[in-house]
Structure formats: C-alpha cells, structure tokens
Protein backbone atom coordinates (compact mmCIF):
# COMPACT_ATOMS: atom_id res chain seq x y z
CA MET A 1 133.63 82.26 51.85
CA GLU A 2 133.89 78.96 50.00
CA LEU A 3 131.22 76.32 50.42
CA ASN A 4 132.66 73.57 52.58
CA ASP A 5 131.37 70.01 52.84
CA ALA A 6 129.16 70.74 55.85
CA MET A 7 127.44 73.64 54.05
CA LEU A 8 126.97 71.59 50.88
CA ASP A 9 125.47 68.77 52.94
CA ARG A 10 122.94 71.17 54.49
CA LEU A 11 122.00 72.46 51.04
CA ARG A 12 121.38 68.89 49.88
CA GLN A 13 119.21 68.27 52.94
CA LEU A 14 117.24 71.42 52.21
CA GLU A 15 116.80 70.38 48.59
CA GLU A 16 115.44 67.01 49.74
CA LYS A 17 113.11 68.67 52.23
CA TYR A 18 111.56 71.11 49.78
CA SER A 19 111.47 68.63 46.90
CA ALA A 20 109.42 66.27 49.06
CA MET A 21 106.86 69.05 49.47
CA GLY A 22 106.91 69.99 45.79
CA GLN A 23 108.60 73.30 46.57
CA ASP A 24 111.46 75.13 44.90
CA MET A 25 114.35 75.50 47.32
CA ASN A 26 115.75 78.50 45.43
CA SER A 27 112.55 80.47 46.12
CA TYR A 28 113.00 79.86 49.84
CA LEU A 29 116.64 80.90 49.66
CA ASP A 30 115.55 84.15 47.94
CA GLY A 31 113.15 84.75 50.81
CA LEU A 32 115.95 84.20 53.30
CA LEU A 33 118.23 86.51 51.33
CA TYR A 34 115.83 89.45 51.42
CA ALA A 35 114.30 88.86 54.86
CA ASP A 36 115.28 91.35 57.55
CA TYR A 37 117.04 90.24 60.73
CA LEU A 38 114.76 89.19 63.57
CA THR A 39 114.77 91.32 66.73
CA TYR A 40 113.85 90.34 70.27
CA TRP A 41 111.13 92.99 70.55
CA ASP A 42 109.49 91.93 67.29
CA TYR A 43 109.69 88.22 68.10
CA ILE A 44 107.81 88.53 71.41
CA HIS A 45 105.68 91.51 70.22
CA LEU A 46 106.97 93.60 73.09
CA ASP A 47 105.32 96.87 72.01
CA THR A 48 101.95 95.14 71.72
CA LEU A 49 102.44 93.38 75.06
CA LEU A 50 103.19 96.63 76.86
CA SER A 51 100.16 98.32 75.30
CA LEU A 52 97.69 95.82 76.75
CA GLN A 53 97.37 97.44 80.18
CA ASN A 54 94.45 99.83 80.05
CA PRO A 55 93.32 100.92 83.53
CA ARG A 56 89.73 102.04 83.95
CA THR A 57 90.62 104.60 86.64
CA PRO A 58 93.52 106.94 87.47
CA VAL A 59 94.36 104.91 90.60
CA PRO A 60 98.07 103.96 90.18
CA ASP A 61 97.91 100.42 91.60
CA GLU A 62 95.24 99.34 89.13
CA ARG A 63 98.06 98.71 86.63
CA ILE A 64 99.61 96.20 89.06
CA PHE A 65 96.27 94.40 89.25
CA ILE A 66 96.01 94.15 85.45
CA LEU A 67 99.62 93.08 84.94
CA TYR A 68 99.41 90.41 87.61
CA HIS A 69 96.32 88.82 86.07
CA GLN A 70 97.84 88.92 82.59
CA ILE A 71 100.96 87.16 83.92
CA THR A 72 98.69 84.58 85.57
CA GLU A 73 96.93 83.86 82.28
CA LEU A 74 100.29 83.33 80.55
CA PHE A 75 101.23 80.74 83.19
CA PHE A 76 97.86 79.09 82.59
CA ARG A 77 98.73 78.93 78.90
CA LEU A 78 102.05 77.27 79.74
CA SER A 79 100.18 74.76 81.92
CA LEU A 80 97.69 73.90 79.18
CA ASP A 81 100.57 73.43 76.73
CA ALA A 82 102.21 70.98 79.14
CA ILE A 83 99.01 68.97 79.49
CA GLU A 84 98.30 69.01 75.75
CA GLN A 85 101.75 67.61 75.01
CA LEU A 86 100.91 64.59 77.16
CA ALA A 87 97.42 64.22 75.69
CA GLN A 88 98.78 64.30 72.14
CA ALA A 89 101.77 62.02 72.71
CA GLN A 90 101.79 59.07 70.31
CA PRO A 91 101.25 56.23 70.82
CA ALA A 92 100.91 57.15 74.50
CA PRO A 93 103.04 58.96 77.10
CA ASP A 94 105.42 56.82 79.12
CA ALA A 95 106.35 57.37 82.75
CA GLU A 96 109.39 59.52 81.95
CA LEU A 97 107.46 61.91 79.71
CA PHE A 98 104.73 62.02 82.34
CA LYS A 99 107.24 63.00 85.01
CA ARG A 100 108.80 65.68 82.84
CA GLN A 101 105.46 67.34 82.11
CA ILE A 102 104.17 67.14 85.69
CA ILE A 103 107.42 68.68 86.90
CA ARG A 104 106.78 71.53 84.51
CA LEU A 105 103.19 71.90 85.74
CA ASN A 106 104.32 71.98 89.35
CA ARG A 107 106.92 74.64 88.58
CA TYR A 108 104.32 76.79 86.84
CA PHE A 109 101.91 76.56 89.77
CA GLU A 110 104.65 77.05 92.34
CA ASN A 111 105.51 80.29 90.56
CA LEU A 112 101.84 81.27 90.50
CA ILE A 113 101.39 80.51 94.20
CA ASN A 114 104.55 82.35 95.24
CA SER A 115 103.80 85.28 92.95
CA PHE A 116 100.50 86.01 94.64
CA ASP A 117 102.44 88.09 97.17
CA ILE A 118 103.11 90.54 94.31
CA MET A 119 99.46 91.46 94.40
CA VAL A 120 98.63 90.78 98.04
CA ASP A 121 101.61 92.68 99.47
CA GLY A 122 102.45 94.84 96.48
CA MET A 123 99.11 96.52 95.93
CA ASP A 124 97.71 99.10 98.33
CA ARG A 125 94.46 97.96 99.91
CA ASP A 126 92.88 101.41 99.92
CA GLU A 127 93.76 101.91 96.26
CA PHE A 128 92.27 98.51 95.41
CA LEU A 129 89.02 99.38 97.17
CA ARG A 130 88.91 102.65 95.19
CA PHE A 131 89.23 101.14 91.70
CA ARG A 132 87.58 97.71 92.21
CA MET A 133 84.01 98.93 91.70
CA SER A 134 84.87 100.16 88.21
CA LEU A 135 85.52 96.52 87.26
CA LEU A 136 81.97 95.29 87.86
CA PRO A 137 80.91 92.64 87.01
CA ALA A 138 84.29 91.29 85.76
CA SER A 139 85.97 88.76 88.02
CA GLY A 140 88.96 86.42 88.03
CA PHE A 141 86.27 83.77 88.34
CA GLN A 142 85.83 84.26 84.57
CA SER A 143 89.23 82.75 83.67
CA VAL A 144 88.33 80.09 81.10
CA GLN A 145 91.91 78.83 80.95
CA TYR A 146 91.81 77.83 84.62
CA ARG A 147 88.58 75.90 84.00
CA MET A 148 90.29 74.18 81.08
CA ILE A 149 93.23 73.19 83.29
CA GLU A 150 90.82 71.57 85.74
CA ILE A 151 88.94 69.74 83.00
CA ALA A 152 92.16 68.56 81.32
CA SER A 153 93.53 67.31 84.64
CA THR A 154 90.84 64.87 85.75
CA ASP A 155 87.50 63.22 84.98
CA LEU A 156 84.67 65.73 84.83
CA ARG A 157 82.87 63.90 87.64
CA GLN A 158 85.68 64.89 90.01
CA LEU A 159 84.75 68.53 89.43
CA VAL A 160 81.05 68.15 90.25
CA HIS A 161 79.85 70.01 93.33
CA THR A 162 79.98 67.83 96.46
CA SER A 163 76.20 68.09 96.90
CA LYS A 164 75.64 66.63 93.41
CA ARG A 165 78.26 63.89 93.27
CA GLU A 166 76.06 61.03 94.47
CA LEU A 167 73.25 62.10 92.13
CA THR A 168 75.61 62.12 89.15
CA ALA A 169 77.60 59.00 90.03
CA ASP A 170 76.28 57.15 86.96
CA VAL A 171 76.02 60.14 84.64
CA ASP A 172 78.39 60.24 81.66
CA ASP A 173 76.75 63.03 79.68
CA VAL A 174 79.34 65.83 79.44
CA ARG A 175 76.72 68.54 79.07
CA LEU A 176 74.82 67.44 82.17
CA LEU A 177 78.01 67.24 84.23
CA ASN A 178 79.13 70.68 83.05
CA ALA A 179 75.88 72.09 84.43
CA VAL A 180 76.73 71.04 88.01
CA LEU A 181 80.46 71.75 88.25
CA TYR A 182 81.53 72.95 91.69
CA TRP A 183 82.59 76.45 90.69
CA LYS A 184 79.14 77.40 89.43
CA SER A 185 77.84 77.31 92.99
CA GLY A 186 80.37 80.01 93.86
CA ALA A 187 78.91 82.41 91.29
CA THR A 188 75.56 82.87 92.94
CA GLU A 189 74.13 86.06 94.37
CA LEU A 190 74.55 86.02 98.13
CA ALA A 191 71.00 87.21 98.79
CA SER A 192 68.87 85.42 96.18
CA GLY A 193 70.96 82.38 95.22
CA LYS A 194 70.47 83.22 91.53
CA LYS A 195 73.25 83.12 88.95
CA THR A 196 75.30 86.29 89.04
CA LEU A 197 75.76 88.42 85.95
CA THR A 198 79.39 87.31 86.14
CA LEU A 199 78.38 83.68 85.64
CA ARG A 200 75.77 84.50 83.00
CA GLN A 201 78.37 86.42 80.99
CA PHE A 202 80.85 83.56 81.32
CA GLU A 203 78.36 80.92 80.24
CA ALA A 204 77.20 83.00 77.26
CA LYS A 205 80.80 83.22 76.00
CA TYR A 206 82.32 79.88 77.01
CA ALA A 207 79.65 77.28 77.88
CA GLU A 208 79.70 75.51 74.50
CA GLU A 209 83.46 75.77 74.20
CA LEU A 210 83.90 74.11 77.60
CA VAL A 211 81.49 71.32 76.63
CA ARG A 212 83.55 70.61 73.50
CA PHE A 213 86.77 70.84 75.50
CA SER A 214 85.37 68.37 78.06
CA GLN A 215 84.47 65.94 75.31
CA ASN A 216 87.95 66.15 73.84
CA PHE A 217 89.59 65.36 77.19
CA GLN A 218 87.23 62.61 78.38
CA SER A 219 89.73 59.89 77.55
CA CYS A 220 92.98 61.82 77.62
CA ASN A 221 92.86 64.00 80.74
CA LEU A 222 95.80 63.57 83.14
CA ARG A 223 93.97 61.13 85.39
CA GLN A 224 92.95 58.89 82.48
CA LEU A 225 96.44 59.02 81.01
CA TYR A 226 97.86 58.00 84.39
CA LEU A 227 95.39 55.12 84.78
CA LYS A 228 96.32 53.85 81.29
CA LEU A 229 100.00 53.53 82.22
CA PRO A 230 101.32 50.01 82.85
CA PRO A 231 101.00 48.94 86.53
CA GLU A 232 104.73 49.34 87.18
CA ALA A 233 104.58 52.94 85.91
CA GLN A 234 101.46 53.71 87.98
CA ASN A 235 103.33 52.45 91.04
CA ASP A 236 106.41 54.58 90.32
CA ALA A 237 106.93 56.38 93.64
CA GLU A 238 108.36 59.52 92.04
CA LEU A 239 105.49 59.88 89.58
CA ARG A 240 102.88 59.35 92.29
CA GLU A 241 104.47 62.00 94.48
CA LEU A 242 104.64 64.46 91.57
CA LEU A 243 100.94 63.96 90.86
CA ARG A 244 100.07 64.37 94.52
CA GLU A 245 102.06 67.59 94.60
CA TYR A 246 100.21 68.83 91.49
CA ASP A 247 96.87 68.00 93.12
CA ILE A 248 97.82 70.02 96.19
CA ASN A 249 99.31 72.90 94.21
CA VAL A 250 96.20 73.42 92.09
CA ASN A 251 93.39 72.44 94.43
CA VAL A 252 94.73 73.58 97.80
CA ARG A 253 97.66 76.01 97.65
CA TRP A 254 96.37 78.02 94.69
CA ALA A 255 92.87 78.21 96.17
CA LEU A 256 94.27 79.26 99.55
CA SER A 257 96.32 82.02 97.90
CA HIS A 258 93.08 83.46 96.53
CA TYR A 259 91.37 83.01 99.87
CA ARG A 260 94.12 84.89 101.72
CA SER A 261 93.88 87.68 99.17
CA ALA A 262 90.12 87.91 99.56
CA VAL A 263 90.44 88.01 103.36
CA ARG A 264 93.01 90.78 103.13
CA TYR A 265 91.00 92.97 100.77
CA LEU A 266 87.36 92.04 101.42
CA ASP A 267 87.11 90.91 105.01
CA ALA A 268 86.37 94.33 106.51
CA LYS A 269 84.94 93.73 109.98
CA PRO A 270 82.20 93.89 111.08
CA LYS A 271 80.78 93.57 107.52
CA GLU A 272 82.48 91.68 104.71
CA ILE A 273 82.79 93.38 101.32
CA GLU A 274 81.29 91.55 98.36
CA ALA A 275 83.51 90.41 95.51
CA THR A 276 83.23 92.35 92.25
CA GLY A 277 81.29 89.54 90.60
CA GLY A 278 79.09 88.96 93.62
CA THR A 279 80.65 85.54 94.04
CA ASN A 280 80.24 83.74 97.35
CA TRP A 281 83.99 83.68 97.99
CA GLN A 282 83.66 82.69 101.65
CA LYS A 283 82.21 79.30 100.63
CA TYR A 284 83.72 79.02 97.17
CA LEU A 285 87.45 79.58 97.78
CA PRO A 286 88.31 77.40 100.83
CA PRO A 287 89.33 73.98 99.42
CA ARG A 288 87.84 72.12 102.40
CA PHE A 289 84.34 73.02 101.13
CA GLN A 290 84.90 71.97 97.50
CA ARG A 291 87.12 68.92 98.05
CA VAL A 292 88.23 68.85 94.41
CA VAL A 293 90.74 66.03 93.99
CA PHE A 294 92.25 65.20 90.60
CA PHE A 295 93.71 61.79 91.50
CA PRO A 296 91.56 60.14 94.23
CA GLU A 297 93.46 56.83 93.85
CA LEU A 298 96.58 58.55 95.23
CA TRP A 299 95.00 59.65 98.51
CA THR A 300 93.54 57.89 101.53
CA GLU A 301 89.88 58.34 102.45
CA ASP A 302 90.94 60.32 105.51
CA GLU A 303 93.10 62.64 103.43
CA MET A 304 90.25 63.34 101.03
CA GLU A 305 87.74 63.78 103.85
CA ASN A 306 90.01 66.41 105.40
CA TRP A 307 91.08 67.90 102.09
CA GLY A 308 92.93 71.16 102.50
CA LYS A 309 92.49 71.42 106.26
CA PHE A 310 96.11 70.59 107.01
CA LEU A 311 97.25 73.60 104.98
CA GLN A 312 94.39 75.97 105.72
CA LYS A 313 95.29 76.08 109.41
CA SER A 314 98.32 78.18 108.48
CA ALA A 315 96.48 80.35 105.94
C-alpha cells in the first residue's frame, strides 16, 4: 500500500507531537509494529474481574450478593468520575456542562435504584439469612465511595446529623464536621450506643482520607459549583430540575431502596434481626429521619421539613 497524502499528514503530526516531547517517533512506531493486537477480555481484565467473587460459605445465593455490591461500587466510581469532571473543569463549568454531568449522575443512580430488585427479589431470603452471619462485621455501610459522593455533592454542613446542625452552624473546621456526620449515628450498637466494630474499622481505614477529600471539595462540591454559576444559569429551569432529581435519587430513592431491602430480610416479626454491622438501620435508613438535602436553595421549607415522606408512603 502506497502512502497517500492523508497518511503522510498523520505521520507529520506524529513527528510534531513526539518532537515536542523530545521523543523519537521511530521508537514509538517500532513499539506499535511489535505490539500484539488488543483483545476485549484483556482490555477490561475480564478474567480478573470474574475471579473477584469469593463466597465465604457454600450457600449459592451468596455469589449474587457479592456481584450486586461489586456492580454498585462500579456505578459509584462512574458517579465520582462525573462529579470530578465538573470540579476540575477550567476555568469553571458552564450550565450546559453542568446539565450533561447531572444527567449522567441521575442515570447512574436510576440504574442503581432500579437494580436493587436484582438483590431484593433475586436472592432467596432463607439463603441470605444462612450466609449473612459469616460476613460479620462487614457491612455496606462501609462503602467509602458512597461517602465520597455525598461529600462531593454538597457542603459538609449539610451532612451533619440533624441533632448537631444548630451546634455546628458556625463551624468550618472539616475535621470537626466529619466527626458529627449523620451516618455515624447509624453505626452505633443498639444496646449501648457505642460505636460498632463496623464503624471503628471504617474510621481506622478511611477517616483521614475522608478529611482530606472533604478539604479538597470544600469549594468545588456540586452545591458550591452551582452557586458560583451566573444568576441566569442558576435560574435555568432545566438545570434546577435536574439537581432536584439528583437530590431525590441519592437522598430519598436510594435510601428507601435499602430500607425496603432491610425490611424484607431483617424485619422478622415479632423480633427484628440486627444488621451484620449492628447498625441501627431502623433509624438510619429512612430519609425522613436524616433529612439530608444537597441543594437546600432548590426546595421549600415545607418540602425539607417533610423530606422523603411523600415517597416513603409507597415504600
């Protein structure tokens, strides 16, 4: 095959690219010449991916439980990527980029919310109750990526437990605010009120990382990025509705999906079964108790006061 003008032009562009970096283009062409063809299974590391399910028991449905949570974490990674693209946009994200990324976030969480039926309806309750005790004290509560999504979505003060919000109204210290985030109250022993081993493990591994993450997103979380938009962009009806939908998806629908699952598997009358991490799921999961709102400026006082109740009635 003879080199045509288009191919020669690409070679000149490559030469310019590598010359600018002080590199020899011919060396890169040699690498391309001897490199093997890429395959789908190597590119996505399929063999490794399929080897990451390691049940602790012989109960068949435990594999469903593992796979579902791994899929969930991958969607969390997609969500964090979408937020980070906005946070890193230079000089600053405009309304159109904002809309594109929030649409992506809503799609990810809509998939997560709808997919919960895979576990709730696709995993046998009796089998779950057989293998669950082998997971102690591990819990989905320990998902650091979900905590990062919350932190990257709003000001840290919005995530403080309702009982501590007035006390911390003037507090800006990230470390102090991290100590009173709402979800920590859910990881207390039901009898003593002390931190569960689940929470102690989580804090030992991630506490400092979350403090640093919080510091990084103080000025570039989604709420701050929205408030920095020009007034006409902040008043864009489509953007406001997308952000409201994201607020509901994360803080109401996703929480209610977990609550329905807990009721199905743990609400064994007359005595409720404790969660594997000893978390107080009855008070922790219902959104009406936590009232976590990412974008308070987009909701009325009545809506925030009755946060989640309008959806929980059908849960």
